[in-house]
Amino acid sequence: MAEQKTVRIVIAGGGTGGHLYPAIALAEEFERQSDAQILFIGTSYGLESKVLPGLPYKFKTIWMRGLHRNRIASNILFPARLMVSLIQCTAILMKFRPDAVVGTGGYVSAPALMIAMLLGIPTAIQEQNSFPGLVNRLLGNRVNQLHLTFEESSKHFAGQKQIRISGNPVRGKLNEVSREDGLAKFELSAGRVTLFVFGGSQGARAINDAVQASLQRLMKIENLQLLWATGAPDWQKIEAACREVGQRVSCHAYIDDMASAYAAADFVLCRAGATTLAEIAICGLPALLVPLPTAAAGHQDFNAKSVESAGAAVLLPQKELNEDKIVEIIEEWVSSPEKRASMSAAARKLARPNAAGDIVTEVLSLT
């Protein structure tokens, strides 16, 4: 029997979790499908510099930083950073000699993809958002494969023949926890409808403030209970408010076991980041989405509109986030299991639980 060929893969992307965690999911899948050696290219200031050193992958940093839309003076060094990063990527790729380079977004992916193209190394891009990021819009027509999460994104890549609607890779098995186990973990009742409120790892202050202001009225909805991940900065204040309203709120600064949280939930109130949307689609959770208004190029608004148009969510702009609106929507959803079921079915139609596997299989075909 022939010995399996070692495949050398470079994954470039980072800055935020939205670019990093799909990259890690791809790395894990490359290892499942092949004898793979993975090298990540990132920066020393992005989230990747905190997360990747704790994982069993090679990690090289380059000097690249993104453009600042609101701080023009801080962009003075951009041309120099790009040139230095191109030189750094040339040295990295020539030494590692990858079989393919995959970009998952963020400015750090640009130099790696550009040098790979010059060196004749197969390239692929994985785009998480409905409205593609700047780097992916610029390079998406030139790579060997383009993997999109939302079909409507393809209109930005008229020159690309190798487009796949592959979905957004997520880590772990989200559907392996039963509802009973999820409810038990957070000490919630099996006889009530569970709303899961969360932001990012640090929470979402606008959502926290609005839900806290609505708390007394929400607790008058007899069949409702809350699972709330507040983020560390707001936890102490919100936990005290939750104690005042009784036993139907399970309040946490941070939840690392999202599989159990999703299993316990009947619907969610959250931001509209691509990874979050991929996860709740897999879990079939209706969503009240409050896009982050400061997200780059308004990509969370585009994401939320895509999910809303599919019938799986309601988009509530942050400027319209108020007590009356929250209570009105949540009260309607709690009292209408038929509506939740319809939205859940729509969410599952959007799900691509094997996104990582499909993307990796396609990229391996290039090597």
Protein backbone atom coordinates (compact mmCIF):
# COMPACT_ATOMS: atom_id res chain seq x y z
CA MET A 1 0.00 0.00 0.00
CA ALA A 2 1.43 3.40 -1.03
CA GLU A 3 2.49 5.69 1.75
CA GLN A 4 0.25 8.74 2.15
CA LYS A 5 1.79 11.91 0.76
CA THR A 6 2.50 14.69 3.24
CA VAL A 7 0.59 17.82 2.22
CA ARG A 8 2.01 21.20 3.23
CA ILE A 9 -0.64 23.88 3.69
CA VAL A 10 -0.27 27.57 4.53
CA ILE A 11 -3.32 29.28 6.02
CA ALA A 12 -3.19 33.09 6.10
CA GLY A 13 -5.79 35.15 7.89
CA GLY A 14 -6.60 36.72 11.20
CA GLY A 15 -7.00 39.92 13.11
CA THR A 16 -10.41 38.88 14.42
CA GLY A 17 -12.08 35.66 15.47
CA GLY A 18 -14.26 35.82 12.37
CA HIS A 19 -11.19 35.20 10.21
CA LEU A 20 -9.21 33.08 12.67
CA TYR A 21 -11.63 30.42 13.89
CA PRO A 22 -12.71 29.25 10.42
CA ALA A 23 -8.97 28.99 9.63
CA ILE A 24 -8.42 26.77 12.66
CA ALA A 25 -11.43 24.63 11.70
CA LEU A 26 -9.86 24.16 8.26
CA ALA A 27 -6.50 23.24 9.78
CA GLU A 28 -8.15 20.56 11.92
CA GLU A 29 -9.96 19.21 8.86
CA PHE A 30 -6.77 19.12 6.77
CA GLU A 31 -5.28 16.93 9.49
CA ARG A 32 -8.34 14.65 9.48
CA GLN A 33 -8.31 14.17 5.72
CA SER A 34 -4.58 13.97 5.05
CA ASP A 35 -1.09 13.76 6.45
CA ALA A 36 -0.90 17.55 6.65
CA GLN A 37 1.71 19.98 7.89
CA ILE A 38 0.06 23.33 8.63
CA LEU A 39 1.72 26.72 8.83
CA PHE A 40 -0.27 29.80 9.81
CA ILE A 41 0.70 33.31 8.71
CA GLY A 42 -0.62 36.10 10.92
CA THR A 43 0.44 39.16 12.85
CA SER A 44 1.82 39.82 16.30
CA TYR A 45 -1.11 42.06 17.26
CA GLY A 46 -4.20 40.18 16.06
CA LEU A 47 -6.17 37.56 17.95
CA GLU A 48 -4.08 34.87 16.24
CA SER A 49 -1.03 35.93 18.27
CA LYS A 50 -2.91 34.95 21.46
CA VAL A 51 -4.67 31.80 20.22
CA LEU A 52 -2.28 30.04 17.84
CA PRO A 53 0.72 29.67 20.18
CA GLY A 54 -1.45 27.35 22.27
CA LEU A 55 -2.24 25.10 19.29
CA PRO A 56 0.02 22.50 17.62
CA TYR A 57 0.69 24.48 14.46
CA LYS A 58 3.64 26.42 13.08
CA PHE A 59 2.98 30.15 13.21
CA LYS A 60 4.86 32.95 11.45
CA THR A 61 4.12 36.64 11.83
CA ILE A 62 4.48 39.42 9.27
CA TRP A 63 4.44 43.21 9.63
CA MET A 64 1.13 43.74 7.82
CA ARG A 65 -1.62 45.89 9.28
CA GLY A 66 -4.94 46.96 7.82
CA LEU A 67 -6.08 50.33 6.59
CA HIS A 68 -7.94 52.51 9.10
CA ARG A 69 -11.02 54.07 7.58
CA ASN A 70 -11.37 56.77 10.23
CA ARG A 71 -7.72 57.44 11.07
CA ILE A 72 -6.05 58.45 7.83
CA ALA A 73 -2.77 59.49 9.46
CA SER A 74 -2.26 55.96 10.78
CA ASN A 75 -2.17 54.65 7.18
CA ILE A 76 1.12 56.41 6.33
CA LEU A 77 3.13 53.25 6.94
CA PHE A 78 0.81 51.02 4.90
CA PRO A 79 2.91 50.94 1.69
CA ALA A 80 6.05 50.10 3.68
CA ARG A 81 4.21 47.44 5.68
CA LEU A 82 2.91 45.85 2.48
CA MET A 83 6.36 45.76 0.86
CA VAL A 84 8.02 44.30 3.95
CA SER A 85 5.21 41.75 4.34
CA LEU A 86 5.58 40.67 0.70
CA ILE A 87 9.30 40.08 1.30
CA GLN A 88 8.56 38.19 4.53
CA CYS A 89 5.96 36.00 2.79
CA THR A 90 8.39 35.26 -0.03
CA ALA A 91 10.94 33.97 2.49
CA ILE A 92 8.31 31.97 4.41
CA LEU A 93 6.81 30.30 1.34
CA MET A 94 10.12 29.51 -0.29
CA LYS A 95 11.33 27.84 2.90
CA PHE A 96 8.11 25.96 3.73
CA ARG A 97 7.28 25.11 0.08
CA PRO A 98 3.53 24.67 0.53
CA ASP A 99 1.29 22.66 -1.79
CA ALA A 100 -1.47 25.26 -1.39
CA VAL A 101 -2.12 28.60 0.32
CA VAL A 102 -5.55 29.34 1.77
CA GLY A 103 -6.62 32.87 2.72
CA THR A 104 -9.43 33.33 5.23
CA GLY A 105 -9.55 37.12 5.15
CA GLY A 106 -8.06 40.12 6.88
CA TYR A 107 -5.22 42.19 5.46
CA VAL A 108 -2.64 39.64 6.57
CA SER A 109 -3.90 37.21 3.93
CA ALA A 110 -3.11 39.54 1.02
CA PRO A 111 0.71 39.29 0.93
CA ALA A 112 0.66 35.51 1.34
CA LEU A 113 -1.84 35.01 -1.49
CA MET A 114 -0.06 37.48 -3.78
CA ILE A 115 3.32 35.79 -3.36
CA ALA A 116 1.78 32.34 -3.76
CA MET A 117 0.31 33.44 -7.10
CA LEU A 118 3.70 34.77 -8.23
CA LEU A 119 5.37 31.49 -7.23
CA GLY A 120 2.76 29.36 -8.99
CA ILE A 121 1.43 27.82 -5.76
CA PRO A 122 -2.30 26.88 -5.86
CA THR A 123 -4.46 29.34 -3.91
CA ALA A 124 -7.93 29.40 -2.39
CA ILE A 125 -9.97 31.97 -0.48
CA GLN A 126 -12.64 31.26 2.12
CA GLU A 127 -15.02 34.20 2.57
CA GLN A 128 -17.23 34.21 5.65
CA ASN A 129 -19.47 37.23 5.09
CA SER A 130 -22.29 38.13 2.74
CA PHE A 131 -20.44 41.29 1.69
CA PRO A 132 -16.84 40.19 1.02
CA GLY A 133 -13.90 41.90 2.66
CA LEU A 134 -11.64 44.23 0.67
CA VAL A 135 -8.75 41.77 0.27
CA ASN A 136 -11.05 39.02 -0.92
CA ARG A 137 -12.83 41.35 -3.35
CA LEU A 138 -9.46 42.35 -4.83
CA LEU A 139 -7.99 38.84 -5.07
CA GLY A 140 -11.08 36.62 -5.36
CA ASN A 141 -11.11 36.57 -9.16
CA ARG A 142 -7.43 35.54 -9.31
CA VAL A 143 -7.26 32.55 -6.95
CA ASN A 144 -7.71 28.94 -8.09
CA GLN A 145 -10.77 28.41 -5.89
CA LEU A 146 -13.19 30.74 -4.13
CA HIS A 147 -15.30 29.36 -1.29
CA LEU A 148 -18.28 31.48 -0.25
CA THR A 149 -20.70 31.26 2.65
CA PHE A 150 -23.59 33.17 1.03
CA GLU A 151 -24.66 32.64 -2.57
CA GLU A 152 -25.36 36.35 -3.06
CA SER A 153 -21.66 37.06 -2.52
CA SER A 154 -20.91 35.59 -5.95
CA LYS A 155 -22.07 38.80 -7.68
CA HIS A 156 -18.82 40.42 -6.51
CA PHE A 157 -16.71 37.87 -8.42
CA ALA A 158 -17.88 37.92 -12.02
CA GLY A 159 -14.47 36.82 -13.29
CA GLN A 160 -14.16 33.73 -11.07
CA LYS A 161 -15.12 30.40 -12.65
CA GLN A 162 -14.26 28.24 -9.63
CA ILE A 163 -16.82 29.43 -7.07
CA ARG A 164 -18.16 27.03 -4.45
CA ILE A 165 -20.94 27.89 -1.98
CA SER A 166 -19.30 25.89 0.78
CA GLY A 167 -20.47 27.57 3.97
CA ASN A 168 -18.45 28.82 6.92
CA PRO A 169 -16.32 26.24 8.79
CA VAL A 170 -17.03 25.90 12.49
CA ARG A 171 -15.10 23.97 15.10
CA GLY A 172 -16.47 21.06 17.09
CA LYS A 173 -19.70 19.08 16.89
CA LEU A 174 -22.50 21.44 17.84
CA ASN A 175 -25.34 18.91 17.69
CA GLU A 176 -23.91 16.29 20.02
CA VAL A 177 -25.40 17.73 23.25
CA SER A 178 -29.01 16.88 24.07
CA ARG A 179 -31.48 19.57 25.09
CA GLU A 180 -31.87 17.86 28.46
CA ASP A 181 -28.13 17.96 29.13
CA GLY A 182 -27.90 21.58 27.99
CA LEU A 183 -30.71 22.68 30.28
CA ALA A 184 -29.24 20.73 33.20
CA LYS A 185 -25.81 22.31 32.74
CA PHE A 186 -27.28 25.80 33.14
CA GLU A 187 -29.90 24.80 35.72
CA LEU A 188 -32.81 25.73 33.48
CA SER A 189 -36.30 24.25 33.34
CA ALA A 190 -37.37 21.81 30.63
CA GLY A 191 -40.89 23.24 30.75
CA ARG A 192 -40.03 26.77 29.62
CA VAL A 193 -38.91 28.49 26.43
CA THR A 194 -35.24 29.52 26.58
CA LEU A 195 -33.88 32.73 25.08
CA PHE A 196 -30.08 32.71 24.79
CA VAL A 197 -28.62 36.24 24.85
CA PHE A 198 -24.96 36.74 23.95
CA GLY A 199 -22.48 39.01 22.21
CA GLY A 200 -18.84 38.21 21.52
CA SER A 201 -16.37 36.99 24.13
CA GLN A 202 -16.56 40.43 25.77
CA GLY A 203 -20.32 40.63 25.43
CA ALA A 204 -22.24 43.33 23.56
CA ARG A 205 -22.97 46.35 25.74
CA ALA A 206 -25.84 47.69 23.65
CA ILE A 207 -27.60 44.32 23.79
CA ASN A 208 -26.85 43.93 27.50
CA ASP A 209 -28.20 47.37 28.33
CA ALA A 210 -31.39 46.85 26.32
CA VAL A 211 -32.11 43.42 27.78
CA GLN A 212 -31.39 44.64 31.30
CA ALA A 213 -33.80 47.54 30.80
CA SER A 214 -36.41 45.03 29.60
CA LEU A 215 -35.80 42.46 32.32
CA GLN A 216 -38.78 43.21 34.56
CA ARG A 217 -41.19 43.06 31.63
CA LEU A 218 -39.55 39.97 30.14
CA MET A 219 -39.99 38.10 33.40
CA LYS A 220 -43.72 38.77 33.18
CA ILE A 221 -43.77 36.46 30.15
CA GLU A 222 -44.73 33.42 32.18
CA ASN A 223 -43.14 30.69 30.06
CA LEU A 224 -39.82 32.47 29.34
CA GLN A 225 -36.40 31.84 30.83
CA LEU A 226 -33.07 33.46 29.92
CA LEU A 227 -29.59 32.11 29.40
CA TRP A 228 -27.34 35.18 29.27
CA ALA A 229 -23.64 35.43 28.46
CA THR A 230 -22.89 39.02 29.39
CA GLY A 231 -19.13 39.26 28.87
CA ALA A 232 -16.85 39.98 31.81
CA PRO A 233 -17.10 43.81 31.76
CA ASP A 234 -20.88 43.85 32.37
CA TRP A 235 -21.34 40.67 34.38
CA GLN A 236 -21.31 42.01 37.93
CA LYS A 237 -23.92 44.68 37.20
CA ILE A 238 -26.19 42.35 35.24
CA GLU A 239 -25.85 39.44 37.64
CA ALA A 240 -27.09 41.67 40.45
CA ALA A 241 -30.08 42.75 38.35
CA CYS A 242 -30.85 39.10 37.52
CA ARG A 243 -30.90 38.13 41.21
CA GLU A 244 -33.65 40.68 41.76
CA VAL A 245 -36.02 39.06 39.26
CA GLY A 246 -35.89 35.51 40.56
CA GLN A 247 -34.74 32.14 39.33
CA ARG A 248 -35.52 32.24 35.60
CA VAL A 249 -32.24 33.80 34.44
CA SER A 250 -28.97 31.86 34.18
CA CYS A 251 -26.35 34.62 33.98
CA HIS A 252 -22.69 34.01 33.07
CA ALA A 253 -19.72 36.25 32.34
CA TYR A 254 -18.53 33.84 29.65
CA ILE A 255 -19.72 30.51 28.25
CA ASP A 256 -17.04 28.32 26.73
CA ASP A 257 -19.37 25.34 26.14
CA MET A 258 -21.45 26.87 23.35
CA ALA A 259 -22.70 23.46 22.23
CA SER A 260 -24.55 23.06 25.55
CA ALA A 261 -25.82 26.64 25.41
CA TYR A 262 -27.21 26.19 21.91
CA ALA A 263 -28.76 22.87 22.95
CA ALA A 264 -30.58 24.58 25.82
CA ALA A 265 -31.84 27.45 23.65
CA ASP A 266 -35.10 27.79 21.72
CA PHE A 267 -34.06 31.08 20.09
CA VAL A 268 -31.27 33.63 20.37
CA LEU A 269 -30.63 37.36 20.61
CA CYS A 270 -27.16 38.16 19.34
CA ARG A 271 -24.88 39.95 16.86
CA ALA A 272 -24.61 38.86 13.22
CA GLY A 273 -21.01 37.70 12.89
CA ALA A 274 -20.45 35.03 10.27
CA THR A 275 -19.32 32.33 12.71
CA THR A 276 -22.31 32.93 14.98
CA LEU A 277 -24.69 32.68 12.04
CA ALA A 278 -23.08 29.46 10.84
CA GLU A 279 -23.41 27.94 14.32
CA ILE A 280 -27.03 28.90 14.92
CA ALA A 281 -27.98 27.66 11.44
CA ILE A 282 -26.49 24.25 12.22
CA CYS A 283 -28.45 24.22 15.48
CA GLY A 284 -31.66 25.43 13.81
CA LEU A 285 -32.12 28.41 16.12
CA PRO A 286 -34.39 31.34 15.23
CA ALA A 287 -32.55 34.61 15.82
CA LEU A 288 -33.20 38.21 16.71
CA LEU A 289 -30.09 39.77 15.15
CA VAL A 290 -28.61 43.10 16.18
CA PRO A 291 -25.71 43.72 13.77
CA LEU A 292 -22.64 45.47 15.13
CA PRO A 293 -22.91 48.94 13.54
CA THR A 294 -19.13 49.47 13.55
CA ALA A 295 -18.30 46.19 11.74
CA ALA A 296 -16.04 46.71 8.74
CA ALA A 297 -17.99 47.79 5.63
CA GLY A 298 -21.22 47.03 7.51
CA HIS A 299 -20.73 43.32 6.83
CA GLN A 300 -22.89 42.24 9.78
CA ASP A 301 -25.84 44.13 8.30
CA PHE A 302 -25.42 42.24 5.03
CA ASN A 303 -25.12 38.94 6.92
CA ALA A 304 -28.26 39.62 8.93
CA LYS A 305 -30.26 40.64 5.85
CA SER A 306 -29.30 37.38 4.14
CA VAL A 307 -30.53 35.30 7.07
CA GLU A 308 -33.67 37.42 7.52
CA SER A 309 -34.55 37.07 3.82
CA ALA A 310 -34.38 33.29 4.25
CA GLY A 311 -36.99 33.49 7.02
CA ALA A 312 -34.65 32.40 9.81
CA ALA A 313 -34.21 35.69 11.66
CA VAL A 314 -35.45 39.18 12.35
CA LEU A 315 -32.99 42.04 11.88
CA LEU A 316 -33.21 44.73 14.55
CA PRO A 317 -30.79 47.65 13.95
CA GLN A 318 -28.99 48.77 17.09
CA LYS A 319 -30.50 52.26 16.81
CA GLU A 320 -33.96 50.65 17.09
CA LEU A 321 -32.99 48.39 19.99
CA ASN A 322 -35.31 49.39 22.82
CA GLU A 323 -37.39 47.87 25.57
CA ASP A 324 -40.71 47.92 23.72
CA LYS A 325 -39.34 46.29 20.59
CA ILE A 326 -37.49 43.56 22.48
CA VAL A 327 -40.50 42.65 24.60
CA GLU A 328 -42.87 42.71 21.62
CA ILE A 329 -40.76 40.31 19.52
CA ILE A 330 -39.84 37.95 22.35
CA GLU A 331 -43.41 37.78 23.66
CA GLU A 332 -44.64 36.87 20.15
CA TRP A 333 -42.01 34.16 19.70
CA VAL A 334 -42.57 32.61 23.13
CA SER A 335 -46.32 32.38 22.52
CA SER A 336 -45.96 30.95 19.00
CA PRO A 337 -44.18 27.59 18.80
CA GLU A 338 -45.35 27.36 15.18
CA LYS A 339 -43.43 30.52 14.28
CA ARG A 340 -40.30 29.26 16.04
CA ALA A 341 -40.59 25.93 14.25
CA SER A 342 -40.91 27.63 10.86
CA MET A 343 -37.87 29.83 11.52
CA SER A 344 -35.91 26.86 12.84
CA ALA A 345 -36.60 24.93 9.63
CA ALA A 346 -35.47 27.95 7.59
CA ALA A 347 -32.27 28.19 9.64
CA ARG A 348 -31.44 24.53 9.06
CA LYS A 349 -31.82 25.03 5.31
CA LEU A 350 -28.99 27.58 5.51
CA ALA A 351 -26.74 25.24 7.47
CA ARG A 352 -23.66 23.66 5.94
CA PRO A 353 -22.37 21.47 8.77
CA ASN A 354 -19.71 19.90 6.57
CA ALA A 355 -18.30 23.21 5.31
CA ALA A 356 -14.77 22.49 6.53
CA GLY A 357 -14.78 19.01 5.01
CA ASP A 358 -16.07 20.22 1.65
CA ILE A 359 -13.55 23.07 1.43
CA VAL A 360 -10.59 20.89 2.40
CA THR A 361 -11.55 18.18 -0.10
CA GLU A 362 -11.65 20.79 -2.85
CA VAL A 363 -8.35 22.41 -1.83
CA LEU A 364 -6.62 19.03 -1.66
CA SER A 365 -7.68 18.43 -5.26
CA LEU A 366 -5.37 21.33 -6.21
CA THR A 367 -2.28 19.70 -4.70
